[in-house]
């Protein structure tokens, strides 16, 4: 019963944290992850989501060593046939990766927070039922066995 209650507390806290993350915090988290990721990971993310660059502001920063740089987008479907895509001040037809990640991150946090809340309250119901009926006498047993 104590373990179930502790599990409820942890799950409730994590669910509330997922639901409390706002857009600004999600953006900061994505920027930090993009900054720490190597070019291979950034390139596979760009190919997988069909996007180019981190956001609109840093979409053309392909110089290695820049804070929010990204590898070239030649392998991305939206840049096929355009050699200047996302490498200069020329207009890029690709969507920045933040625009695609934003929707997925927000829905993922909301869904996991909602599911976590549902199951944490189910666990709390289990704790309450355990406390309520723990010492209840079984009516099918004879009285002299208790």
N, C-alpha and C. Protein backbone atom coordinates (compact mmCIF):
# COMPACT_ATOMS: atom_id res chain seq x y z
N UNK A 1 0.83 -1.18 0.00
CA UNK A 1 0.00 0.00 0.00
C UNK A 1 0.88 1.25 0.00
N UNK A 2 1.95 1.24 0.76
CA UNK A 2 2.85 2.38 0.82
C UNK A 2 3.55 2.55 -0.53
N UNK A 3 3.96 1.45 -1.12
CA UNK A 3 4.61 1.51 -2.42
C UNK A 3 3.65 2.04 -3.47
N UNK A 4 2.41 1.61 -3.43
CA UNK A 4 1.41 2.09 -4.38
C UNK A 4 1.18 3.59 -4.22
N UNK A 5 1.17 4.06 -2.98
CA UNK A 5 0.98 5.49 -2.74
C UNK A 5 2.18 6.29 -3.23
N UNK A 6 3.40 5.78 -3.00
CA UNK A 6 4.59 6.47 -3.50
C UNK A 6 4.62 6.49 -5.03
N UNK A 7 4.19 5.40 -5.64
CA UNK A 7 4.09 5.36 -7.09
C UNK A 7 3.08 6.39 -7.59
N UNK A 8 1.97 6.54 -6.87
CA UNK A 8 0.98 7.55 -7.22
C UNK A 8 1.61 8.94 -7.18
N UNK A 9 2.36 9.24 -6.12
CA UNK A 9 2.96 10.58 -6.00
C UNK A 9 3.92 10.87 -7.14
N UNK A 10 4.78 9.91 -7.46
CA UNK A 10 5.75 10.12 -8.53
C UNK A 10 5.03 10.28 -9.87
N UNK A 11 4.09 9.41 -10.15
CA UNK A 11 3.39 9.47 -11.43
C UNK A 11 2.56 10.75 -11.54
N UNK A 12 1.95 11.18 -10.46
CA UNK A 12 1.17 12.42 -10.46
C UNK A 12 2.08 13.62 -10.72
N UNK A 13 3.26 13.63 -10.10
CA UNK A 13 4.19 14.74 -10.28
C UNK A 13 4.70 14.80 -11.73
N UNK A 14 5.03 13.66 -12.30
CA UNK A 14 5.51 13.64 -13.68
C UNK A 14 4.40 14.05 -14.65
N UNK A 15 3.19 13.58 -14.41
CA UNK A 15 2.07 13.96 -15.27
C UNK A 15 1.80 15.46 -15.20
N UNK A 16 1.83 16.02 -14.01
CA UNK A 16 1.63 17.47 -13.87
C UNK A 16 2.75 18.25 -14.55
N UNK A 17 3.98 17.74 -14.45
CA UNK A 17 5.10 18.41 -15.10
C UNK A 17 4.94 18.39 -16.62
N UNK A 18 4.48 17.27 -17.16
CA UNK A 18 4.26 17.19 -18.62
C UNK A 18 3.19 18.17 -19.06
N UNK A 19 2.14 18.30 -18.28
CA UNK A 19 1.06 19.21 -18.66
C UNK A 19 1.41 20.67 -18.43
N UNK A 20 2.39 20.95 -17.58
CA UNK A 20 2.74 22.32 -17.25
C UNK A 20 3.78 22.94 -18.18
N UNK A 21 4.41 22.16 -19.03
CA UNK A 21 5.43 22.69 -19.92
C UNK A 21 4.77 23.57 -20.98
N UNK A 22 5.21 24.82 -21.08
CA UNK A 22 4.61 25.73 -22.06
C UNK A 22 5.47 25.82 -23.32
N UNK A 23 5.03 26.58 -24.30
CA UNK A 23 5.72 26.66 -25.60
C UNK A 23 7.13 27.22 -25.47
N UNK A 24 7.31 28.22 -24.63
CA UNK A 24 8.64 28.81 -24.45
C UNK A 24 9.62 27.79 -23.89
N UNK A 25 9.19 27.01 -22.91
CA UNK A 25 10.06 25.98 -22.33
C UNK A 25 10.35 24.88 -23.34
N UNK A 26 9.36 24.52 -24.15
CA UNK A 26 9.59 23.52 -25.20
C UNK A 26 10.61 24.04 -26.21
N UNK A 27 10.49 25.31 -26.57
CA UNK A 27 11.43 25.91 -27.52
C UNK A 27 12.84 25.93 -26.94
N UNK A 28 12.98 26.30 -25.67
CA UNK A 28 14.31 26.29 -25.03
C UNK A 28 14.91 24.89 -25.00
N UNK A 29 14.07 23.90 -24.69
CA UNK A 29 14.52 22.51 -24.65
C UNK A 29 14.98 22.06 -26.03
N UNK A 30 14.23 22.41 -27.07
CA UNK A 30 14.61 22.03 -28.43
C UNK A 30 15.90 22.72 -28.85
N UNK A 31 16.04 24.01 -28.53
CA UNK A 31 17.26 24.74 -28.89
C UNK A 31 18.49 24.13 -28.21
N UNK A 32 18.35 23.77 -26.95
CA UNK A 32 19.46 23.16 -26.23
C UNK A 32 19.81 21.80 -26.82
N UNK A 33 18.80 21.01 -27.16
CA UNK A 33 19.05 19.70 -27.77
C UNK A 33 19.70 19.87 -29.14
N UNK A 34 19.24 20.84 -29.92
CA UNK A 34 19.82 21.08 -31.25
C UNK A 34 21.26 21.53 -31.13
N UNK A 35 21.55 22.36 -30.14
CA UNK A 35 22.90 22.87 -29.94
C UNK A 35 23.86 21.75 -29.56
N UNK A 36 23.40 20.80 -28.75
CA UNK A 36 24.26 19.70 -28.29
C UNK A 36 24.38 18.55 -29.28
N UNK A 37 23.45 18.44 -30.22
CA UNK A 37 23.45 17.32 -31.17
C UNK A 37 24.58 17.48 -32.20
N UNK A 38 25.11 16.35 -32.65
CA UNK A 38 26.12 16.41 -33.70
C UNK A 38 25.44 16.51 -35.06
N UNK A 39 26.26 16.74 -36.10
CA UNK A 39 25.70 16.97 -37.43
C UNK A 39 25.03 15.73 -38.01
N UNK A 40 25.49 14.53 -37.64
CA UNK A 40 24.84 13.32 -38.14
C UNK A 40 23.40 13.22 -37.63
N UNK A 41 23.22 13.52 -36.36
CA UNK A 41 21.88 13.47 -35.78
C UNK A 41 20.98 14.56 -36.37
N UNK A 42 21.54 15.74 -36.53
CA UNK A 42 20.76 16.83 -37.14
C UNK A 42 20.38 16.48 -38.57
N UNK A 43 21.30 15.90 -39.30
CA UNK A 43 21.01 15.51 -40.69
C UNK A 43 19.93 14.44 -40.77
N UNK A 44 19.99 13.44 -39.89
CA UNK A 44 18.95 12.40 -39.93
C UNK A 44 17.60 12.97 -39.49
N UNK A 45 17.61 13.94 -38.57
CA UNK A 45 16.35 14.59 -38.17
C UNK A 45 15.78 15.39 -39.34
N UNK A 46 16.64 16.08 -40.06
CA UNK A 46 16.17 16.87 -41.21
C UNK A 46 15.61 15.96 -42.30
N UNK A 47 16.27 14.84 -42.54
CA UNK A 47 15.76 13.91 -43.56
C UNK A 47 14.46 13.25 -43.10
N UNK A 48 14.39 12.87 -41.83
CA UNK A 48 13.22 12.17 -41.33
C UNK A 48 11.97 13.03 -41.27
N UNK A 49 12.15 14.32 -40.95
CA UNK A 49 10.99 15.20 -40.83
C UNK A 49 10.79 16.09 -42.05
N UNK A 50 11.67 15.97 -43.05
CA UNK A 50 11.61 16.78 -44.26
C UNK A 50 11.61 18.27 -43.91
N UNK A 51 12.64 18.67 -43.16
CA UNK A 51 12.78 20.06 -42.74
C UNK A 51 14.23 20.47 -42.89
N UNK A 52 14.49 21.76 -42.74
CA UNK A 52 15.85 22.26 -42.91
C UNK A 52 16.13 23.34 -41.88
N UNK A 53 17.16 23.16 -41.08
CA UNK A 53 17.54 24.15 -40.08
C UNK A 53 16.69 24.08 -38.84
N UNK A 54 17.16 24.77 -37.79
CA UNK A 54 16.46 24.71 -36.52
C UNK A 54 15.19 25.55 -36.53
N UNK A 55 15.32 26.81 -36.86
CA UNK A 55 14.16 27.69 -36.92
C UNK A 55 14.38 28.70 -38.04
N UNK A 56 13.43 29.57 -38.25
CA UNK A 56 13.48 30.55 -39.34
C UNK A 56 14.69 31.46 -39.20
N UNK A 57 15.03 31.82 -37.98
CA UNK A 57 16.13 32.75 -37.74
C UNK A 57 17.48 32.14 -38.09
N UNK A 58 17.66 30.85 -37.82
CA UNK A 58 18.95 30.18 -38.03
C UNK A 58 18.91 29.20 -39.20
N UNK A 59 17.97 29.36 -40.11
CA UNK A 59 17.80 28.38 -41.18
C UNK A 59 18.99 28.36 -42.15
N UNK A 60 19.65 29.47 -42.36
CA UNK A 60 20.74 29.54 -43.32
C UNK A 60 22.12 29.41 -42.68
N UNK A 61 22.22 29.07 -41.41
CA UNK A 61 23.53 28.96 -40.75
C UNK A 61 24.06 27.54 -40.89
N UNK A 62 24.86 27.33 -41.94
CA UNK A 62 25.44 26.01 -42.18
C UNK A 62 26.92 25.97 -41.89
N UNK A 63 27.51 27.06 -41.40
CA UNK A 63 28.92 27.09 -41.08
C UNK A 63 29.17 26.29 -39.81
N UNK A 64 30.03 25.28 -39.88
CA UNK A 64 30.32 24.50 -38.66
C UNK A 64 30.89 25.39 -37.57
N UNK A 65 30.46 25.17 -36.36
CA UNK A 65 30.93 25.96 -35.24
C UNK A 65 29.97 27.05 -34.81
N UNK A 66 29.06 27.43 -35.69
CA UNK A 66 28.05 28.40 -35.29
C UNK A 66 27.13 27.75 -34.27
N UNK A 67 26.50 28.57 -33.46
CA UNK A 67 25.74 28.04 -32.33
C UNK A 67 24.60 27.11 -32.76
N UNK A 68 23.82 27.50 -33.73
CA UNK A 68 22.68 26.68 -34.16
C UNK A 68 22.82 26.26 -35.62
N UNK A 69 24.03 25.90 -36.01
CA UNK A 69 24.26 25.49 -37.40
C UNK A 69 23.65 24.12 -37.66
N UNK A 70 23.54 23.80 -38.93
CA UNK A 70 23.00 22.50 -39.33
C UNK A 70 23.74 22.03 -40.58
N UNK A 71 23.74 20.74 -40.84
CA UNK A 71 24.39 20.25 -42.06
C UNK A 71 23.59 20.66 -43.30
N UNK A 72 24.19 20.51 -44.44
CA UNK A 72 23.49 20.90 -45.67
C UNK A 72 22.23 20.06 -45.85
N UNK A 73 21.30 20.62 -46.56
CA UNK A 73 19.99 19.97 -46.73
C UNK A 73 19.85 19.34 -48.11
N UNK A 74 20.95 18.98 -48.75
CA UNK A 74 20.87 18.41 -50.09
C UNK A 74 20.11 17.10 -50.13
N UNK A 75 20.15 16.33 -49.03
CA UNK A 75 19.48 15.03 -48.99
C UNK A 75 18.01 15.13 -48.60
N UNK A 76 17.57 16.29 -48.19
CA UNK A 76 16.18 16.48 -47.76
C UNK A 76 15.30 16.62 -49.00
N UNK A 77 14.13 16.00 -48.95
CA UNK A 77 13.25 15.97 -50.12
C UNK A 77 12.83 17.37 -50.58
N UNK A 78 12.63 18.30 -49.66
CA UNK A 78 12.16 19.63 -50.05
C UNK A 78 13.26 20.46 -50.72
N UNK A 79 14.53 20.03 -50.63
CA UNK A 79 15.65 20.76 -51.24
C UNK A 79 16.22 20.06 -52.46
N UNK A 80 15.64 18.99 -52.90
CA UNK A 80 16.18 18.27 -54.06
C UNK A 80 16.23 19.18 -55.28
N UNK A 81 17.38 19.22 -55.90
CA UNK A 81 17.54 20.01 -57.11
C UNK A 81 17.87 21.47 -56.86
N UNK A 82 17.90 21.92 -55.64
CA UNK A 82 18.21 23.31 -55.31
C UNK A 82 19.52 23.33 -54.54
N UNK A 83 20.62 23.72 -55.18
CA UNK A 83 21.93 23.65 -54.53
C UNK A 83 22.11 24.74 -53.48
N UNK A 84 21.38 25.86 -53.58
CA UNK A 84 21.51 26.95 -52.62
C UNK A 84 20.51 26.84 -51.47
N UNK A 85 19.77 25.77 -51.40
CA UNK A 85 18.72 25.64 -50.39
C UNK A 85 19.31 25.65 -48.98
N UNK A 86 18.90 26.57 -48.18
CA UNK A 86 19.30 26.68 -46.77
C UNK A 86 20.79 26.86 -46.56
N UNK A 87 21.51 27.40 -47.54
CA UNK A 87 22.95 27.61 -47.37
C UNK A 87 23.35 29.07 -47.51
N UNK A 88 22.47 29.90 -47.97
CA UNK A 88 22.80 31.31 -48.16
C UNK A 88 21.59 32.14 -47.78
N UNK A 89 21.60 33.36 -48.20
CA UNK A 89 20.47 34.24 -47.89
C UNK A 89 19.30 34.00 -48.84
N UNK A 90 19.47 33.07 -49.78
CA UNK A 90 18.37 32.76 -50.72
C UNK A 90 17.20 32.14 -49.94
N UNK A 91 16.03 32.38 -50.47
CA UNK A 91 14.83 31.85 -49.83
C UNK A 91 14.81 30.33 -49.93
N UNK A 92 14.54 29.68 -48.81
CA UNK A 92 14.49 28.22 -48.76
C UNK A 92 13.03 27.78 -48.75
N UNK A 93 12.70 26.79 -49.54
CA UNK A 93 11.33 26.32 -49.60
C UNK A 93 10.99 25.31 -48.52
N UNK A 94 11.96 24.96 -47.70
CA UNK A 94 11.74 23.96 -46.64
C UNK A 94 11.20 24.61 -45.37
N UNK A 95 10.47 23.82 -44.64
CA UNK A 95 9.98 24.25 -43.34
C UNK A 95 11.08 24.06 -42.31
N UNK A 96 11.28 24.99 -41.38
CA UNK A 96 12.26 24.77 -40.31
C UNK A 96 11.83 23.61 -39.41
N UNK A 97 12.81 22.94 -38.82
CA UNK A 97 12.51 21.76 -38.01
C UNK A 97 11.69 22.09 -36.76
N UNK A 98 11.87 23.29 -36.20
CA UNK A 98 11.11 23.63 -35.00
C UNK A 98 9.61 23.64 -35.29
N UNK A 99 9.21 24.08 -36.47
CA UNK A 99 7.79 24.11 -36.82
C UNK A 99 7.19 22.71 -36.83
N UNK A 100 7.98 21.72 -37.22
CA UNK A 100 7.48 20.34 -37.25
C UNK A 100 7.56 19.68 -35.88
N UNK A 101 8.63 19.99 -35.13
CA UNK A 101 8.81 19.38 -33.80
C UNK A 101 7.82 19.97 -32.80
N UNK A 102 7.50 21.23 -32.96
CA UNK A 102 6.60 21.92 -32.02
C UNK A 102 5.28 21.19 -31.87
N UNK A 103 4.67 20.82 -32.96
CA UNK A 103 3.37 20.14 -32.93
C UNK A 103 3.49 18.78 -32.26
N UNK A 104 4.53 18.04 -32.65
CA UNK A 104 4.72 16.70 -32.10
C UNK A 104 5.06 16.74 -30.61
N UNK A 105 5.92 17.66 -30.22
CA UNK A 105 6.32 17.75 -28.81
C UNK A 105 5.13 18.15 -27.94
N UNK A 106 4.37 19.12 -28.40
CA UNK A 106 3.23 19.59 -27.62
C UNK A 106 2.18 18.49 -27.45
N UNK A 107 1.85 17.80 -28.53
CA UNK A 107 0.83 16.74 -28.42
C UNK A 107 1.36 15.57 -27.61
N UNK A 108 2.64 15.24 -27.74
CA UNK A 108 3.21 14.15 -26.96
C UNK A 108 3.20 14.42 -25.47
N UNK A 109 3.54 15.66 -25.09
CA UNK A 109 3.52 16.02 -23.67
C UNK A 109 2.09 16.01 -23.12
N UNK A 110 1.15 16.53 -23.89
CA UNK A 110 -0.24 16.57 -23.41
C UNK A 110 -0.83 15.17 -23.29
N UNK A 111 -0.55 14.32 -24.26
CA UNK A 111 -1.09 12.95 -24.21
C UNK A 111 -0.47 12.17 -23.06
N UNK A 112 0.86 12.24 -22.92
CA UNK A 112 1.49 11.48 -21.83
C UNK A 112 1.10 12.04 -20.47
N UNK A 113 0.90 13.34 -20.36
CA UNK A 113 0.43 13.91 -19.10
C UNK A 113 -0.98 13.47 -18.77
N UNK A 114 -1.86 13.44 -19.76
CA UNK A 114 -3.24 12.99 -19.54
C UNK A 114 -3.32 11.52 -19.15
N UNK A 115 -2.55 10.69 -19.85
CA UNK A 115 -2.54 9.26 -19.52
C UNK A 115 -1.95 9.05 -18.13
N UNK A 116 -0.90 9.78 -17.81
CA UNK A 116 -0.30 9.68 -16.48
C UNK A 116 -1.26 10.09 -15.38
N UNK A 117 -2.02 11.16 -15.61
CA UNK A 117 -3.02 11.57 -14.62
C UNK A 117 -4.10 10.52 -14.44
N UNK A 118 -4.57 9.95 -15.54
CA UNK A 118 -5.59 8.92 -15.46
C UNK A 118 -5.12 7.75 -14.61
N UNK A 119 -3.93 7.24 -14.90
CA UNK A 119 -3.46 6.09 -14.16
C UNK A 119 -3.03 6.43 -12.74
N UNK A 120 -2.59 7.65 -12.49
CA UNK A 120 -2.25 8.01 -11.12
C UNK A 120 -3.51 8.08 -10.25
N UNK A 121 -4.60 8.57 -10.79
CA UNK A 121 -5.83 8.57 -10.01
C UNK A 121 -6.42 7.17 -9.86
N UNK A 122 -6.17 6.31 -10.83
CA UNK A 122 -6.56 4.91 -10.67
C UNK A 122 -5.78 4.26 -9.54
N UNK A 123 -4.49 4.58 -9.45
CA UNK A 123 -3.67 4.07 -8.34
C UNK A 123 -4.15 4.64 -7.01
N UNK A 124 -4.52 5.91 -7.00
CA UNK A 124 -5.03 6.50 -5.76
C UNK A 124 -6.32 5.81 -5.33
N UNK A 125 -7.17 5.47 -6.29
CA UNK A 125 -8.39 4.72 -5.98
C UNK A 125 -8.04 3.37 -5.36
N UNK A 126 -6.99 2.72 -5.87
CA UNK A 126 -6.53 1.46 -5.31
C UNK A 126 -6.04 1.61 -3.88
N UNK A 127 -5.33 2.68 -3.58
CA UNK A 127 -4.88 2.94 -2.21
C UNK A 127 -6.08 3.18 -1.31
N UNK A 128 -7.04 3.96 -1.76
CA UNK A 128 -8.21 4.25 -0.94
C UNK A 128 -9.01 2.97 -0.67
N UNK A 129 -9.21 2.14 -1.69
CA UNK A 129 -9.94 0.89 -1.50
C UNK A 129 -9.20 -0.05 -0.56
N UNK A 130 -7.88 -0.06 -0.64
CA UNK A 130 -7.09 -0.90 0.26
C UNK A 130 -7.26 -0.46 1.70
N UNK A 131 -7.19 0.83 1.95
CA UNK A 131 -7.36 1.33 3.31
C UNK A 131 -8.78 1.09 3.79
N UNK A 132 -9.74 1.28 2.93
CA UNK A 132 -11.15 1.16 3.31
C UNK A 132 -11.55 -0.27 3.65
N UNK A 133 -11.10 -1.22 2.85
CA UNK A 133 -11.56 -2.60 3.00
C UNK A 133 -10.50 -3.58 3.51
N UNK A 134 -9.40 -3.09 4.04
CA UNK A 134 -8.32 -3.97 4.46
C UNK A 134 -8.73 -4.91 5.58
N UNK A 135 -9.41 -4.44 6.57
CA UNK A 135 -9.77 -5.26 7.73
C UNK A 135 -11.23 -5.68 7.73
N UNK A 136 -11.84 -5.71 6.56
CA UNK A 136 -13.23 -6.11 6.47
C UNK A 136 -13.34 -7.64 6.63
N UNK A 137 -14.31 -8.06 7.38
CA UNK A 137 -14.52 -9.49 7.63
C UNK A 137 -15.19 -10.12 6.42
N UNK A 138 -14.74 -11.32 6.03
CA UNK A 138 -15.32 -12.06 4.92
C UNK A 138 -16.61 -12.72 5.41
N UNK A 139 -17.79 -12.40 4.86
CA UNK A 139 -19.05 -12.94 5.35
C UNK A 139 -19.20 -14.43 5.07
N UNK A 140 -18.43 -15.02 4.16
CA UNK A 140 -18.58 -16.44 3.87
C UNK A 140 -17.87 -17.33 4.88
N UNK A 141 -17.00 -16.76 5.71
CA UNK A 141 -16.31 -17.55 6.73
C UNK A 141 -17.14 -17.62 8.02
N UNK A 142 -16.95 -18.72 8.74
CA UNK A 142 -17.62 -18.84 10.03
C UNK A 142 -16.97 -17.89 11.02
N UNK A 143 -17.68 -17.48 11.99
CA UNK A 143 -17.23 -16.51 12.99
C UNK A 143 -16.10 -17.00 13.86
N UNK A 144 -15.95 -18.31 14.10
CA UNK A 144 -14.91 -18.77 15.02
C UNK A 144 -13.52 -18.82 14.37
N UNK A 145 -13.43 -18.61 13.04
CA UNK A 145 -12.11 -18.60 12.39
C UNK A 145 -11.48 -17.23 12.46
N UNK A 146 -12.20 -16.22 12.81
CA UNK A 146 -11.63 -14.88 12.89
C UNK A 146 -11.29 -14.60 14.27
